[in-house]
């Protein structure tokens, strides 16, 4: 079976509002079961982009989306189900296993993971990789790699 061509997209935003709007556009194209891996330094805009993605999917309003840095996992499920996972405070496989993410991947959901380099689970879902880079005060570079053309 032939694999689809990998799609790669580069965006630049100049405000939080524009980052959220781009997230809404991305979210409107996502259908459950897909894993979104968000990478970037602290303050790069991962949660800001997630506000738009979750809103675009219809799982919550932008105001309802907050960083799960301390709770580690937030679930949103108005019109669709989204899990927003922040692995910043995860220090090993044992910590990861206590989150119960294996159960999440048995559901029809979109799973958004911040700090994916700490994500050690094998998942057979389509993956969208998003890298955010803080370019200037309000400017962000958003690089998207869509291995399976989920966003087409």
N, C-alpha and C. Protein backbone atom coordinates (compact mmCIF):
# COMPACT_ATOMS: atom_id res chain seq x y z
N UNK A 1 0.84 -1.18 0.00
CA UNK A 1 0.00 0.00 0.00
C UNK A 1 0.89 1.24 0.00
N UNK A 2 0.57 2.20 -0.81
CA UNK A 2 1.35 3.42 -0.96
C UNK A 2 0.99 4.41 0.14
N UNK A 3 2.01 4.95 0.83
CA UNK A 3 1.78 5.97 1.85
C UNK A 3 1.57 7.33 1.19
N UNK A 4 0.66 8.13 1.73
CA UNK A 4 0.45 9.46 1.17
C UNK A 4 1.69 10.33 1.38
N UNK A 5 1.82 11.35 0.57
CA UNK A 5 2.91 12.29 0.71
C UNK A 5 2.75 13.08 2.00
N UNK A 6 3.86 13.30 2.69
CA UNK A 6 3.85 14.06 3.94
C UNK A 6 3.58 15.52 3.62
N UNK A 7 2.62 16.12 4.32
CA UNK A 7 2.33 17.54 4.16
C UNK A 7 3.11 18.32 5.20
N UNK A 8 3.70 19.41 4.79
CA UNK A 8 4.45 20.27 5.69
C UNK A 8 3.98 21.71 5.48
N UNK A 9 3.63 22.37 6.57
CA UNK A 9 3.06 23.72 6.50
C UNK A 9 3.83 24.62 7.45
N UNK A 10 4.13 25.85 7.02
CA UNK A 10 4.75 26.85 7.88
C UNK A 10 3.83 28.05 7.97
N UNK A 11 3.55 28.50 9.20
CA UNK A 11 2.71 29.67 9.44
C UNK A 11 3.46 30.62 10.35
N UNK A 12 3.16 31.91 10.24
CA UNK A 12 3.69 32.89 11.18
C UNK A 12 2.50 33.68 11.72
N UNK A 13 2.45 33.84 13.03
CA UNK A 13 1.39 34.64 13.64
C UNK A 13 2.03 35.80 14.39
N UNK A 14 1.26 36.88 14.55
CA UNK A 14 1.80 38.10 15.14
C UNK A 14 1.04 38.55 16.39
N UNK A 15 0.16 37.68 16.91
CA UNK A 15 -0.58 37.99 18.14
C UNK A 15 -1.19 36.71 18.68
N UNK A 16 -1.57 36.74 19.94
CA UNK A 16 -2.26 35.58 20.53
C UNK A 16 -3.55 35.29 19.79
N UNK A 17 -4.27 36.35 19.42
CA UNK A 17 -5.53 36.18 18.71
C UNK A 17 -5.32 35.48 17.37
N UNK A 18 -4.25 35.83 16.67
CA UNK A 18 -3.96 35.21 15.39
C UNK A 18 -3.54 33.74 15.58
N UNK A 19 -2.80 33.46 16.66
CA UNK A 19 -2.41 32.08 16.97
C UNK A 19 -3.65 31.24 17.26
N UNK A 20 -4.58 31.79 18.03
CA UNK A 20 -5.83 31.08 18.32
C UNK A 20 -6.62 30.85 17.03
N UNK A 21 -6.68 31.86 16.17
CA UNK A 21 -7.41 31.72 14.91
C UNK A 21 -6.81 30.61 14.04
N UNK A 22 -5.49 30.54 13.97
CA UNK A 22 -4.83 29.46 13.22
C UNK A 22 -5.16 28.11 13.85
N UNK A 23 -5.19 28.07 15.19
CA UNK A 23 -5.56 26.85 15.88
C UNK A 23 -6.97 26.41 15.53
N UNK A 24 -7.90 27.38 15.44
CA UNK A 24 -9.28 27.07 15.06
C UNK A 24 -9.32 26.43 13.68
N UNK A 25 -8.53 26.96 12.75
CA UNK A 25 -8.47 26.40 11.39
C UNK A 25 -7.96 24.96 11.42
N UNK A 26 -6.94 24.72 12.22
CA UNK A 26 -6.40 23.36 12.35
C UNK A 26 -7.45 22.44 12.96
N UNK A 27 -8.05 22.88 14.07
CA UNK A 27 -9.04 22.07 14.77
C UNK A 27 -10.24 21.71 13.91
N UNK A 28 -10.65 22.63 13.05
CA UNK A 28 -11.81 22.37 12.19
C UNK A 28 -11.56 21.20 11.23
N UNK A 29 -10.29 20.88 11.00
CA UNK A 29 -9.94 19.79 10.08
C UNK A 29 -9.66 18.47 10.79
N UNK A 30 -9.58 18.49 12.10
CA UNK A 30 -9.24 17.27 12.84
C UNK A 30 -10.48 16.47 13.18
N UNK A 31 -10.40 15.19 12.97
CA UNK A 31 -11.48 14.26 13.32
C UNK A 31 -10.89 13.19 14.24
N UNK A 32 -11.65 12.77 15.24
CA UNK A 32 -11.15 11.70 16.12
C UNK A 32 -10.78 10.48 15.31
N UNK A 33 -9.97 9.91 15.61
CA UNK A 33 -8.81 9.55 16.36
C UNK A 33 -7.56 10.11 15.70
N UNK A 34 -7.00 11.11 16.33
CA UNK A 34 -5.75 11.70 15.86
C UNK A 34 -4.97 12.20 17.08
N UNK A 35 -3.66 12.07 16.99
CA UNK A 35 -2.74 12.52 18.03
C UNK A 35 -2.01 13.75 17.52
N UNK A 36 -2.09 14.84 18.28
CA UNK A 36 -1.41 16.09 17.94
C UNK A 36 -0.27 16.28 18.93
N UNK A 37 0.96 16.34 18.42
CA UNK A 37 2.13 16.52 19.27
C UNK A 37 2.61 17.96 19.14
N UNK A 38 2.55 18.70 20.25
CA UNK A 38 2.94 20.12 20.26
C UNK A 38 4.29 20.29 20.94
N UNK A 39 5.25 20.80 20.21
CA UNK A 39 6.59 21.04 20.74
C UNK A 39 6.88 22.53 20.73
N UNK A 40 7.75 22.93 21.65
CA UNK A 40 8.19 24.33 21.71
C UNK A 40 8.62 24.66 23.12
N UNK A 41 9.45 25.67 23.23
CA UNK A 41 9.93 26.10 24.54
C UNK A 41 8.79 26.65 25.38
N UNK A 42 9.06 26.86 26.67
CA UNK A 42 8.09 27.53 27.54
C UNK A 42 7.76 28.89 26.93
N UNK A 43 6.49 29.23 26.90
CA UNK A 43 6.06 30.51 26.37
C UNK A 43 5.99 30.58 24.85
N UNK A 44 6.17 29.46 24.18
CA UNK A 44 6.15 29.46 22.71
C UNK A 44 4.74 29.58 22.14
N UNK A 45 3.72 29.31 22.95
CA UNK A 45 2.34 29.45 22.49
C UNK A 45 1.58 28.14 22.33
N UNK A 46 2.07 27.07 22.95
CA UNK A 46 1.42 25.76 22.80
C UNK A 46 -0.02 25.79 23.32
N UNK A 47 -0.22 26.32 24.51
CA UNK A 47 -1.58 26.36 25.08
C UNK A 47 -2.45 27.36 24.32
N UNK A 48 -1.87 28.44 23.85
CA UNK A 48 -2.63 29.42 23.06
C UNK A 48 -3.13 28.77 21.77
N UNK A 49 -2.27 28.05 21.08
CA UNK A 49 -2.69 27.34 19.87
C UNK A 49 -3.74 26.29 20.21
N UNK A 50 -3.56 25.60 21.34
CA UNK A 50 -4.52 24.58 21.76
C UNK A 50 -5.90 25.16 22.00
N UNK A 51 -5.98 26.38 22.54
CA UNK A 51 -7.28 27.04 22.73
C UNK A 51 -8.04 27.07 21.40
N UNK A 52 -7.34 27.44 20.33
CA UNK A 52 -7.98 27.49 19.03
C UNK A 52 -8.31 26.12 18.48
N UNK A 53 -7.40 25.16 18.65
CA UNK A 53 -7.65 23.80 18.15
C UNK A 53 -8.88 23.21 18.81
N UNK A 54 -8.95 23.29 20.13
CA UNK A 54 -10.09 22.72 20.87
C UNK A 54 -11.38 23.42 20.47
N UNK A 55 -11.33 24.73 20.32
CA UNK A 55 -12.51 25.48 19.89
C UNK A 55 -12.92 25.09 18.47
N UNK A 56 -11.95 24.95 17.58
CA UNK A 56 -12.23 24.56 16.19
C UNK A 56 -12.86 23.19 16.08
N UNK A 57 -12.49 22.29 16.99
CA UNK A 57 -13.07 20.95 17.02
C UNK A 57 -14.50 21.00 17.56
N UNK A 58 -14.77 21.98 18.42
CA UNK A 58 -16.09 22.10 19.03
C UNK A 58 -16.18 21.45 20.40
N UNK A 59 -15.03 21.18 21.01
CA UNK A 59 -15.02 20.49 22.31
C UNK A 59 -15.15 21.45 23.48
N UNK A 60 -14.81 22.72 23.30
CA UNK A 60 -14.90 23.72 24.37
C UNK A 60 -14.71 25.10 23.75
N UNK A 61 -15.04 26.12 24.50
CA UNK A 61 -14.74 27.48 24.06
C UNK A 61 -13.29 27.79 24.40
N UNK A 62 -12.75 28.79 23.76
CA UNK A 62 -11.36 29.17 24.02
C UNK A 62 -11.15 29.53 25.49
N UNK A 63 -12.13 30.20 26.10
CA UNK A 63 -11.99 30.59 27.50
C UNK A 63 -11.96 29.39 28.45
N UNK A 64 -12.54 28.28 28.05
CA UNK A 64 -12.56 27.08 28.89
C UNK A 64 -11.25 26.32 28.87
N UNK A 65 -10.41 26.57 27.87
CA UNK A 65 -9.16 25.84 27.71
C UNK A 65 -8.06 26.51 28.51
N UNK A 66 -7.47 25.75 29.43
CA UNK A 66 -6.37 26.25 30.25
C UNK A 66 -5.23 25.24 30.20
N UNK A 67 -4.08 25.68 30.63
CA UNK A 67 -2.91 24.81 30.63
C UNK A 67 -3.07 23.71 31.67
N UNK A 68 -2.84 22.46 31.29
CA UNK A 68 -2.91 21.37 32.26
C UNK A 68 -1.57 21.09 32.95
N UNK A 69 -0.75 22.13 33.12
CA UNK A 69 0.59 21.94 33.68
C UNK A 69 0.55 21.25 35.03
N UNK A 70 -0.41 21.59 35.88
CA UNK A 70 -0.44 20.99 37.22
C UNK A 70 -1.39 19.80 37.31
N UNK A 71 -2.47 19.82 36.53
CA UNK A 71 -3.40 18.68 36.55
C UNK A 71 -2.98 17.60 35.56
N UNK A 72 -2.13 17.94 34.63
CA UNK A 72 -1.53 17.09 33.61
C UNK A 72 -2.46 16.69 32.47
N UNK A 73 -3.75 16.47 32.73
CA UNK A 73 -4.68 16.09 31.67
C UNK A 73 -6.00 16.85 31.85
N UNK A 74 -6.44 17.53 30.79
CA UNK A 74 -7.77 18.13 30.77
C UNK A 74 -8.59 17.42 29.70
N UNK A 75 -9.87 17.23 30.00
CA UNK A 75 -10.79 16.61 29.04
C UNK A 75 -11.86 17.64 28.69
N UNK A 76 -12.09 17.81 27.42
CA UNK A 76 -13.14 18.71 26.91
C UNK A 76 -14.04 17.86 26.02
N UNK A 77 -15.35 18.01 26.19
CA UNK A 77 -16.23 17.17 25.37
C UNK A 77 -17.62 17.74 25.17
N UNK A 78 -17.68 18.94 24.59
CA UNK A 78 -18.99 19.50 24.23
C UNK A 78 -19.55 18.76 23.01
N UNK A 79 -19.07 19.09 21.82
CA UNK A 79 -19.54 18.43 20.59
C UNK A 79 -18.64 17.28 20.17
N UNK A 80 -17.43 17.27 20.66
CA UNK A 80 -16.45 16.23 20.37
C UNK A 80 -15.57 16.10 21.62
N UNK A 81 -14.79 15.04 21.68
CA UNK A 81 -13.94 14.82 22.86
C UNK A 81 -12.49 15.12 22.51
N UNK A 82 -11.87 15.94 23.37
CA UNK A 82 -10.45 16.27 23.23
C UNK A 82 -9.79 16.10 24.59
N UNK A 83 -8.63 15.46 24.58
CA UNK A 83 -7.78 15.40 25.77
C UNK A 83 -6.57 16.29 25.51
N UNK A 84 -6.30 17.17 26.45
CA UNK A 84 -5.14 18.07 26.38
C UNK A 84 -4.19 17.64 27.50
N UNK A 85 -3.02 17.15 27.11
CA UNK A 85 -2.08 16.55 28.04
C UNK A 85 -0.80 17.38 28.07
N UNK A 86 -0.32 17.70 29.27
CA UNK A 86 0.93 18.43 29.43
C UNK A 86 1.90 17.55 30.19
N UNK A 87 2.96 17.13 29.52
CA UNK A 87 3.91 16.21 30.12
C UNK A 87 5.15 16.91 30.69
N UNK A 88 5.10 18.22 30.83
CA UNK A 88 6.26 18.97 31.32
C UNK A 88 6.77 18.45 32.65
N UNK A 89 5.87 18.08 33.55
CA UNK A 89 6.27 17.64 34.89
C UNK A 89 6.46 16.12 34.99
N UNK A 90 6.34 15.41 33.89
CA UNK A 90 6.53 13.96 33.89
C UNK A 90 8.03 13.67 33.85
N UNK A 91 8.49 12.84 34.78
CA UNK A 91 9.93 12.60 34.84
C UNK A 91 10.33 11.18 34.45
N UNK A 92 9.39 10.32 34.14
CA UNK A 92 9.75 8.97 33.74
C UNK A 92 8.54 8.16 33.34
N UNK A 93 8.81 6.94 32.95
CA UNK A 93 7.75 6.05 32.48
C UNK A 93 6.71 5.79 33.56
N UNK A 94 7.14 5.64 34.82
CA UNK A 94 6.19 5.40 35.91
C UNK A 94 5.20 6.55 36.03
N UNK A 95 5.70 7.79 35.98
CA UNK A 95 4.81 8.96 36.04
C UNK A 95 3.82 8.94 34.87
N UNK A 96 4.31 8.61 33.70
CA UNK A 96 3.45 8.57 32.52
C UNK A 96 2.37 7.51 32.67
N UNK A 97 2.73 6.35 33.18
CA UNK A 97 1.76 5.26 33.35
C UNK A 97 0.65 5.62 34.32
N UNK A 98 0.93 6.46 35.31
CA UNK A 98 -0.09 6.83 36.29
C UNK A 98 -1.18 7.73 35.71
N UNK A 99 -0.96 8.29 34.53
CA UNK A 99 -1.95 9.17 33.90
C UNK A 99 -3.10 8.41 33.26
N UNK A 100 -2.93 7.13 32.99
CA UNK A 100 -3.99 6.34 32.38
C UNK A 100 -4.24 6.67 30.92
N UNK A 101 -3.21 7.10 30.23
CA UNK A 101 -3.40 7.48 28.83
C UNK A 101 -3.75 6.31 27.92
N UNK A 102 -3.41 5.10 28.32
CA UNK A 102 -3.77 3.94 27.50
C UNK A 102 -5.28 3.90 27.31
N UNK A 103 -6.04 4.22 28.36
CA UNK A 103 -7.51 4.24 28.28
C UNK A 103 -8.01 5.32 27.33
N UNK A 104 -7.33 6.47 27.34
CA UNK A 104 -7.71 7.58 26.45
C UNK A 104 -7.65 7.13 24.99
N UNK A 105 -6.65 6.33 24.65
CA UNK A 105 -6.48 5.91 23.26
C UNK A 105 -7.43 4.78 22.85
N UNK A 106 -8.34 4.41 23.73
CA UNK A 106 -9.39 3.47 23.35
C UNK A 106 -10.68 4.23 23.02
N UNK A 107 -10.66 5.55 23.14
CA UNK A 107 -11.84 6.38 22.89
C UNK A 107 -11.75 7.06 21.52
N UNK A 108 -12.90 7.53 21.05
CA UNK A 108 -12.92 8.39 19.86
C UNK A 108 -12.66 9.80 20.33
N UNK A 109 -11.41 10.24 20.17
CA UNK A 109 -11.02 11.54 20.68
C UNK A 109 -9.86 12.08 19.85
N UNK A 110 -9.63 13.37 20.02
CA UNK A 110 -8.40 14.00 19.57
C UNK A 110 -7.56 14.18 20.82
N UNK A 111 -6.31 13.76 20.78
CA UNK A 111 -5.42 13.88 21.93
C UNK A 111 -4.30 14.85 21.55
N UNK A 112 -4.18 15.92 22.33
CA UNK A 112 -3.16 16.94 22.12
C UNK A 112 -2.14 16.81 23.24
N UNK A 113 -0.87 16.60 22.90
CA UNK A 113 0.17 16.38 23.90
C UNK A 113 1.23 17.47 23.79
N UNK A 114 1.40 18.22 24.89
CA UNK A 114 2.50 19.17 25.00
C UNK A 114 3.69 18.44 25.61
N UNK A 115 4.89 18.78 25.18
CA UNK A 115 6.14 18.15 25.61
C UNK A 115 6.17 16.68 25.19
N UNK A 116 5.95 16.40 23.90
CA UNK A 116 5.85 15.02 23.42
C UNK A 116 7.14 14.21 23.53
N UNK A 117 8.26 14.86 23.74
CA UNK A 117 9.51 14.10 23.90
C UNK A 117 9.46 13.22 25.15
N UNK A 118 8.49 13.48 26.04
CA UNK A 118 8.31 12.67 27.25
C UNK A 118 7.21 11.62 27.06
N UNK A 119 6.66 11.55 25.87
CA UNK A 119 5.55 10.64 25.56
C UNK A 119 6.14 9.33 25.04
N UNK A 120 6.06 8.29 25.86
CA UNK A 120 6.72 7.03 25.52
C UNK A 120 5.74 5.92 25.12
N UNK A 121 4.50 6.26 24.88
CA UNK A 121 3.52 5.24 24.49
C UNK A 121 3.55 5.05 22.97
N UNK A 122 3.32 3.83 22.54
CA UNK A 122 3.19 3.54 21.11
C UNK A 122 1.70 3.59 20.77
N UNK A 123 1.38 4.41 19.80
CA UNK A 123 0.00 4.61 19.40
C UNK A 123 -0.09 4.45 17.88
N UNK A 124 -1.13 3.77 17.42
CA UNK A 124 -1.25 3.56 15.98
C UNK A 124 -2.19 4.57 15.32
N UNK A 125 -2.46 5.67 15.99
CA UNK A 125 -3.29 6.73 15.44
C UNK A 125 -2.49 7.60 14.48
N UNK A 126 -3.17 8.29 13.55
CA UNK A 126 -2.48 9.30 12.74
C UNK A 126 -1.90 10.39 13.66
N UNK A 127 -0.76 10.94 13.26
CA UNK A 127 -0.07 11.93 14.09
C UNK A 127 0.14 13.21 13.29
N UNK A 128 -0.16 14.34 13.94
CA UNK A 128 0.17 15.66 13.41
C UNK A 128 1.18 16.26 14.38
N UNK A 129 2.36 16.65 13.85
CA UNK A 129 3.41 17.24 14.68
C UNK A 129 3.45 18.74 14.45
N UNK A 130 3.36 19.49 15.54
CA UNK A 130 3.38 20.95 15.44
C UNK A 130 4.50 21.49 16.32
N UNK A 131 5.39 22.27 15.72
CA UNK A 131 6.49 22.90 16.43
C UNK A 131 6.22 24.40 16.47
N UNK A 132 6.24 24.98 17.69
CA UNK A 132 6.05 26.42 17.83
C UNK A 132 7.37 27.04 18.25
N UNK A 133 7.67 28.16 17.63
CA UNK A 133 8.91 28.86 17.94
C UNK A 133 8.60 30.33 18.21
N UNK A 134 9.11 30.83 19.32
CA UNK A 134 8.95 32.22 19.71
C UNK A 134 9.98 33.03 18.92
N UNK A 135 9.54 33.79 17.92
CA UNK A 135 10.44 34.52 17.03
C UNK A 135 10.71 35.93 17.54
N UNK A 136 9.66 36.61 18.01
CA UNK A 136 9.77 37.96 18.56
C UNK A 136 8.68 38.10 19.61
N UNK A 137 8.55 39.28 20.17
CA UNK A 137 7.62 39.49 21.29
C UNK A 137 6.27 38.80 21.08
N UNK A 138 5.58 39.11 20.01
CA UNK A 138 4.27 38.52 19.74
C UNK A 138 4.27 37.60 18.52
N UNK A 139 5.42 37.38 17.93
CA UNK A 139 5.50 36.61 16.70
C UNK A 139 5.88 35.16 16.98
N UNK A 140 5.10 34.25 16.40
CA UNK A 140 5.36 32.82 16.54
C UNK A 140 5.47 32.19 15.16
N UNK A 141 6.40 31.26 15.02
CA UNK A 141 6.50 30.44 13.81
C UNK A 141 5.90 29.09 14.15
N UNK A 142 4.96 28.65 13.36
CA UNK A 142 4.29 27.38 13.58
C UNK A 142 4.61 26.46 12.40
N UNK A 143 5.29 25.37 12.67
CA UNK A 143 5.64 24.39 11.64
C UNK A 143 4.84 23.13 11.88
N UNK A 144 4.13 22.69 10.86
CA UNK A 144 3.25 21.54 10.97
C UNK A 144 3.73 20.44 10.03
N UNK A 145 3.89 19.24 10.56
CA UNK A 145 4.19 18.07 9.74
C UNK A 145 3.02 17.11 9.93
N UNK A 146 2.37 16.82 8.82
CA UNK A 146 1.17 15.99 8.81
C UNK A 146 1.49 14.73 8.02
N UNK A 147 2.03 13.71 8.71
CA UNK A 147 2.51 12.49 8.06
C UNK A 147 1.46 11.77 7.24
N UNK A 148 0.21 11.84 7.65
CA UNK A 148 -0.83 11.04 6.99
C UNK A 148 -1.92 11.91 6.36
N UNK A 149 -1.60 13.16 6.12
CA UNK A 149 -2.52 14.12 5.49
C UNK A 149 -3.86 14.20 6.21
N UNK A 150 -3.80 14.24 7.51
CA UNK A 150 -5.00 14.38 8.35
C UNK A 150 -5.66 15.73 8.11
N UNK A 151 -4.86 16.76 7.84
CA UNK A 151 -5.38 18.13 7.70
C UNK A 151 -5.80 18.49 6.28
N UNK A 152 -5.76 17.57 5.38
CA UNK A 152 -6.08 17.90 3.97
C UNK A 152 -7.48 18.41 3.79
